[in-house]
Protein backbone atom coordinates (compact mmCIF):
# COMPACT_ATOMS: atom_id res chain seq x y z
CA MET A 1 -40.62 27.08 -39.31
CA LYS A 2 -44.38 26.66 -38.77
CA ASP A 3 -44.49 24.59 -42.05
CA ILE A 4 -41.72 22.34 -40.78
CA VAL A 5 -43.42 21.73 -37.40
CA LYS A 6 -46.79 21.17 -39.21
CA GLY A 7 -45.18 18.70 -41.49
CA PHE A 8 -43.69 16.73 -38.50
CA LEU A 9 -47.17 16.65 -36.76
CA SER A 10 -48.71 15.30 -40.01
CA PHE A 11 -45.88 12.72 -40.21
CA GLN A 12 -46.51 11.62 -36.56
CA GLU A 13 -50.19 11.43 -36.96
CA ASN A 14 -50.65 10.09 -40.44
CA VAL A 15 -47.41 8.59 -41.88
CA PHE A 16 -45.72 6.94 -38.92
CA PRO A 17 -48.71 4.81 -37.86
CA GLU A 18 -48.87 3.38 -41.36
CA ARG A 19 -45.10 2.60 -41.40
CA ARG A 20 -44.83 1.50 -37.84
CA GLU A 21 -43.40 -1.91 -38.60
CA LEU A 22 -40.77 -0.40 -40.95
CA PHE A 23 -39.56 2.00 -38.25
CA LYS A 24 -39.67 -0.81 -35.65
CA GLY A 25 -37.22 -2.82 -37.69
CA LEU A 26 -34.98 0.14 -38.18
CA ALA A 27 -35.00 1.07 -34.56
CA SER A 28 -32.11 -1.42 -33.57
CA SER A 29 -30.10 -1.55 -36.83
CA GLN A 30 -29.54 -0.33 -40.35
CA SER A 31 -28.17 -2.07 -43.49
CA PRO A 32 -28.06 0.44 -46.41
CA LYS A 33 -26.71 -0.99 -49.65
CA ALA A 34 -25.45 2.26 -51.02
CA LEU A 35 -23.60 5.44 -49.88
CA PHE A 36 -25.07 8.51 -51.68
CA ILE A 37 -22.89 11.59 -51.79
CA SER A 38 -24.74 14.66 -52.99
CA CYS A 39 -24.88 18.41 -52.80
CA SER A 40 -26.72 20.06 -49.92
CA ASP A 41 -28.88 21.85 -52.43
CA SER A 42 -32.53 21.70 -51.25
CA ARG A 43 -33.76 20.88 -54.77
CA LEU A 44 -32.06 17.47 -54.66
CA VAL A 45 -33.44 14.93 -52.33
CA PRO A 46 -31.63 11.64 -52.79
CA GLU A 47 -34.40 9.38 -51.31
CA LEU A 48 -37.03 11.08 -53.42
CA VAL A 49 -35.09 10.96 -56.68
CA THR A 50 -34.19 7.20 -56.16
CA GLN A 51 -37.42 6.25 -54.49
CA GLN A 52 -35.70 4.60 -51.62
CA GLU A 53 -37.17 3.90 -48.13
CA PRO A 54 -35.63 4.96 -44.87
CA GLY A 55 -32.71 2.71 -44.08
CA GLN A 56 -31.82 2.05 -47.72
CA LEU A 57 -29.37 4.99 -48.38
CA PHE A 58 -26.46 6.21 -46.27
CA VAL A 59 -26.18 9.87 -47.23
CA ILE A 60 -23.43 12.46 -47.16
CA ARG A 61 -24.50 15.98 -48.25
CA ASN A 62 -22.27 19.11 -48.53
CA ALA A 63 -21.82 22.11 -50.78
CA GLY A 64 -20.70 20.83 -54.22
CA ASN A 65 -20.89 17.03 -53.39
CA ILE A 66 -17.15 17.25 -52.58
CA VAL A 67 -14.93 14.34 -51.33
CA PRO A 68 -11.58 15.65 -50.15
CA SER A 69 -8.64 13.31 -50.91
CA PHE A 70 -7.61 11.23 -47.85
CA GLY A 71 -5.10 13.03 -45.70
CA PRO A 72 -3.27 12.91 -42.38
CA GLU A 73 -6.21 14.77 -40.66
CA PRO A 74 -9.34 13.24 -42.12
CA GLY A 75 -12.57 15.12 -41.55
CA GLY A 76 -16.22 14.31 -41.38
CA VAL A 77 -16.58 13.17 -45.00
CA SER A 78 -13.61 10.85 -44.72
CA ALA A 79 -14.93 9.38 -41.52
CA THR A 80 -18.45 8.82 -42.93
CA ILE A 81 -17.10 7.09 -46.02
CA GLU A 82 -14.97 4.84 -43.91
CA TYR A 83 -17.89 3.94 -41.65
CA ALA A 84 -20.15 3.29 -44.64
CA VAL A 85 -17.58 0.92 -46.24
CA LEU A 86 -16.17 -0.88 -43.17
CA ALA A 87 -19.06 -0.81 -40.69
CA LEU A 88 -22.09 -0.93 -42.90
CA GLY A 89 -20.56 -2.81 -45.89
CA VAL A 90 -22.19 -0.67 -48.62
CA SER A 91 -21.75 -2.18 -52.11
CA ASP A 92 -22.19 0.95 -54.14
CA ILE A 93 -21.08 4.54 -53.80
CA ILE A 94 -22.85 7.23 -55.84
CA ILE A 95 -21.38 10.74 -56.22
CA CYS A 96 -24.30 12.94 -57.57
CA GLY A 97 -24.02 16.51 -58.75
CA HIS A 98 -26.89 18.54 -60.19
CA SER A 99 -27.83 21.25 -62.62
CA ASN A 100 -27.63 24.93 -61.63
CA CYS A 101 -25.30 24.12 -58.71
CA GLY A 102 -24.40 27.30 -56.95
CA ALA A 103 -21.07 25.95 -55.71
CA MET A 104 -20.00 24.81 -59.11
CA LYS A 105 -21.14 28.12 -60.67
CA ALA A 106 -19.00 30.03 -58.08
CA VAL A 107 -15.97 28.03 -59.12
CA ALA A 108 -16.57 28.04 -62.83
CA THR A 109 -17.20 31.78 -63.03
CA CYS A 110 -14.55 32.73 -60.40
CA GLN A 111 -17.08 34.49 -58.18
CA CYS A 112 -15.61 36.49 -55.31
CA LEU A 113 -16.13 34.63 -52.05
CA ASP A 114 -14.20 36.92 -49.70
CA ASN A 115 -17.29 37.24 -47.48
CA MET A 116 -17.56 33.48 -47.24
CA PRO A 117 -13.99 32.26 -46.38
CA ALA A 118 -15.17 28.88 -45.24
CA VAL A 119 -17.00 28.27 -48.56
CA SER A 120 -14.01 29.50 -50.48
CA HIS A 121 -11.69 27.18 -48.57
CA TRP A 122 -13.96 24.14 -49.11
CA LEU A 123 -14.41 24.71 -52.86
CA ARG A 124 -10.64 24.36 -53.42
CA TYR A 125 -11.38 20.73 -53.60
CA ALA A 126 -12.94 21.41 -56.95
CA ASP A 127 -9.79 22.93 -58.34
CA ALA A 128 -8.99 19.80 -60.44
CA ALA A 129 -12.29 20.13 -62.25
CA LYS A 130 -11.82 23.84 -62.72
CA SER A 131 -8.38 23.29 -64.40
CA VAL A 132 -10.08 20.97 -66.98
CA ILE A 133 -12.84 23.30 -68.05
CA GLU A 134 -10.46 26.32 -68.20
CA GLU A 135 -8.79 24.48 -71.11
CA LYS A 136 -11.96 24.64 -73.17
CA HIS A 137 -14.29 27.27 -74.67
CA TYR A 138 -18.03 27.27 -74.05
CA ALA A 139 -20.82 28.96 -75.90
CA SER A 140 -22.49 30.27 -72.74
CA GLU A 141 -21.98 30.49 -69.07
CA GLU A 142 -24.63 27.80 -68.60
CA ASP A 143 -22.66 25.36 -70.73
CA LYS A 144 -19.50 26.20 -68.70
CA VAL A 145 -21.30 25.52 -65.45
CA ASN A 146 -22.84 22.26 -66.75
CA ALA A 147 -19.32 21.17 -67.78
CA MET A 148 -18.06 22.06 -64.33
CA VAL A 149 -20.67 20.03 -62.63
CA GLN A 150 -19.71 16.91 -64.66
CA GLU A 151 -16.03 17.37 -64.27
CA ASN A 152 -16.40 17.89 -60.57
CA VAL A 153 -18.26 14.54 -60.27
CA ILE A 154 -15.33 12.96 -62.16
CA ALA A 155 -12.75 14.66 -59.91
CA GLN A 156 -14.51 13.60 -56.67
CA LEU A 157 -14.53 10.00 -58.02
CA TYR A 158 -10.76 10.17 -58.33
CA ASN A 159 -10.58 11.66 -54.83
CA ILE A 160 -12.61 9.00 -53.17
CA ARG A 161 -10.25 6.33 -54.47
CA THR A 162 -7.50 7.73 -52.28
CA HIS A 163 -9.51 6.63 -49.20
CA PRO A 164 -7.93 3.38 -47.89
CA SER A 165 -11.29 1.66 -47.13
CA VAL A 166 -12.51 2.43 -50.67
CA ALA A 167 -9.22 1.45 -52.22
CA VAL A 168 -9.19 -1.93 -50.50
CA ALA A 169 -12.85 -2.59 -51.34
CA LEU A 170 -12.36 -1.70 -55.00
CA ARG A 171 -9.30 -4.07 -55.14
CA ASN A 172 -11.34 -6.86 -53.66
CA GLY A 173 -14.32 -6.21 -56.02
CA ALA A 174 -16.58 -5.46 -53.08
CA ILE A 175 -17.67 -2.01 -54.17
CA ARG A 176 -18.69 -0.09 -57.24
CA LEU A 177 -18.40 3.65 -57.84
CA HIS A 178 -20.90 5.60 -59.76
CA GLY A 179 -20.99 9.29 -61.03
CA TRP A 180 -24.32 10.94 -61.63
CA VAL A 181 -25.60 14.39 -62.59
CA TYR A 182 -29.33 15.06 -61.82
CA ASP A 183 -31.18 17.65 -63.88
CA ILE A 184 -33.66 19.49 -61.70
CA GLU A 185 -36.03 20.71 -64.42
CA SER A 186 -36.39 17.42 -66.33
CA GLY A 187 -35.80 14.85 -63.62
CA VAL A 188 -33.20 13.17 -65.85
CA ILE A 189 -30.02 11.61 -64.53
CA GLN A 190 -26.86 11.36 -66.56
CA ALA A 191 -24.47 8.71 -65.42
CA LEU A 192 -20.80 8.37 -66.11
CA GLU A 193 -20.05 5.45 -68.33
CA HIS A 194 -16.62 4.25 -67.20
CA LYS A 195 -15.61 2.56 -70.41
CA SER A 196 -16.22 5.65 -72.64
CA GLU A 197 -15.75 8.22 -69.79
CA ARG A 198 -18.90 9.96 -71.11
CA PHE A 199 -22.05 10.89 -69.31
CA VAL A 200 -25.05 9.12 -70.78
CA LEU A 201 -28.73 8.92 -69.88
CA LEU A 202 -29.20 6.45 -67.09
CA SER A 203 -32.78 5.71 -68.23
CA GLU A 204 -31.67 4.47 -71.65
CA ASN A 205 -29.29 1.73 -70.64
CA PRO A 206 -29.68 1.22 -66.85
CA GLU A 207 -28.22 -2.40 -66.86
CA THR A 208 -24.94 -0.98 -67.85
CA PHE A 209 -24.53 0.42 -64.41
CA PHE A 210 -25.32 -2.87 -62.64
CA GLU A 211 -22.11 -4.40 -63.89
């Protein structure tokens, strides 16, 4: 906790004065262009990875970068998506998984979560991805977890399409959906190419994902 407080004091003394005009402009409004849905894992920092300033990303973070399908009793994720699309008018939604994801490892390897019932209940939203990987054989547990991470991103992209605000925006051509997987060790992002339904290196053909 001392490091956190020390960091804030450094921000207040050194960073904020240099960025005062930026924060003055943000004090009364925000206009982020993208909604970034990622895992809560401390090793993935959306603003750092994408080099975005305060006010440029609207962020949802939870264990497993999960988006429950829209239902009769929408929760916090659903409400935040709706706000991002209808109130803020974001033009892009990115669902980003990452390597060595503890949540996806728990699902892929059928870890016992009896001592964490809330986590176990939450991760049922990754069951669609689990059913896909269980149909295949993998050379190692790491390969299986990596596949689970990718399939989970795909599954959550399907889930988000069930949200009325997103469905309407997609139909009107007002929004684009993106699926990413960030590799912590290399800093590489693999992005889902919708035409081929394969994950490819974002850095090799970035213009593809502006379409």
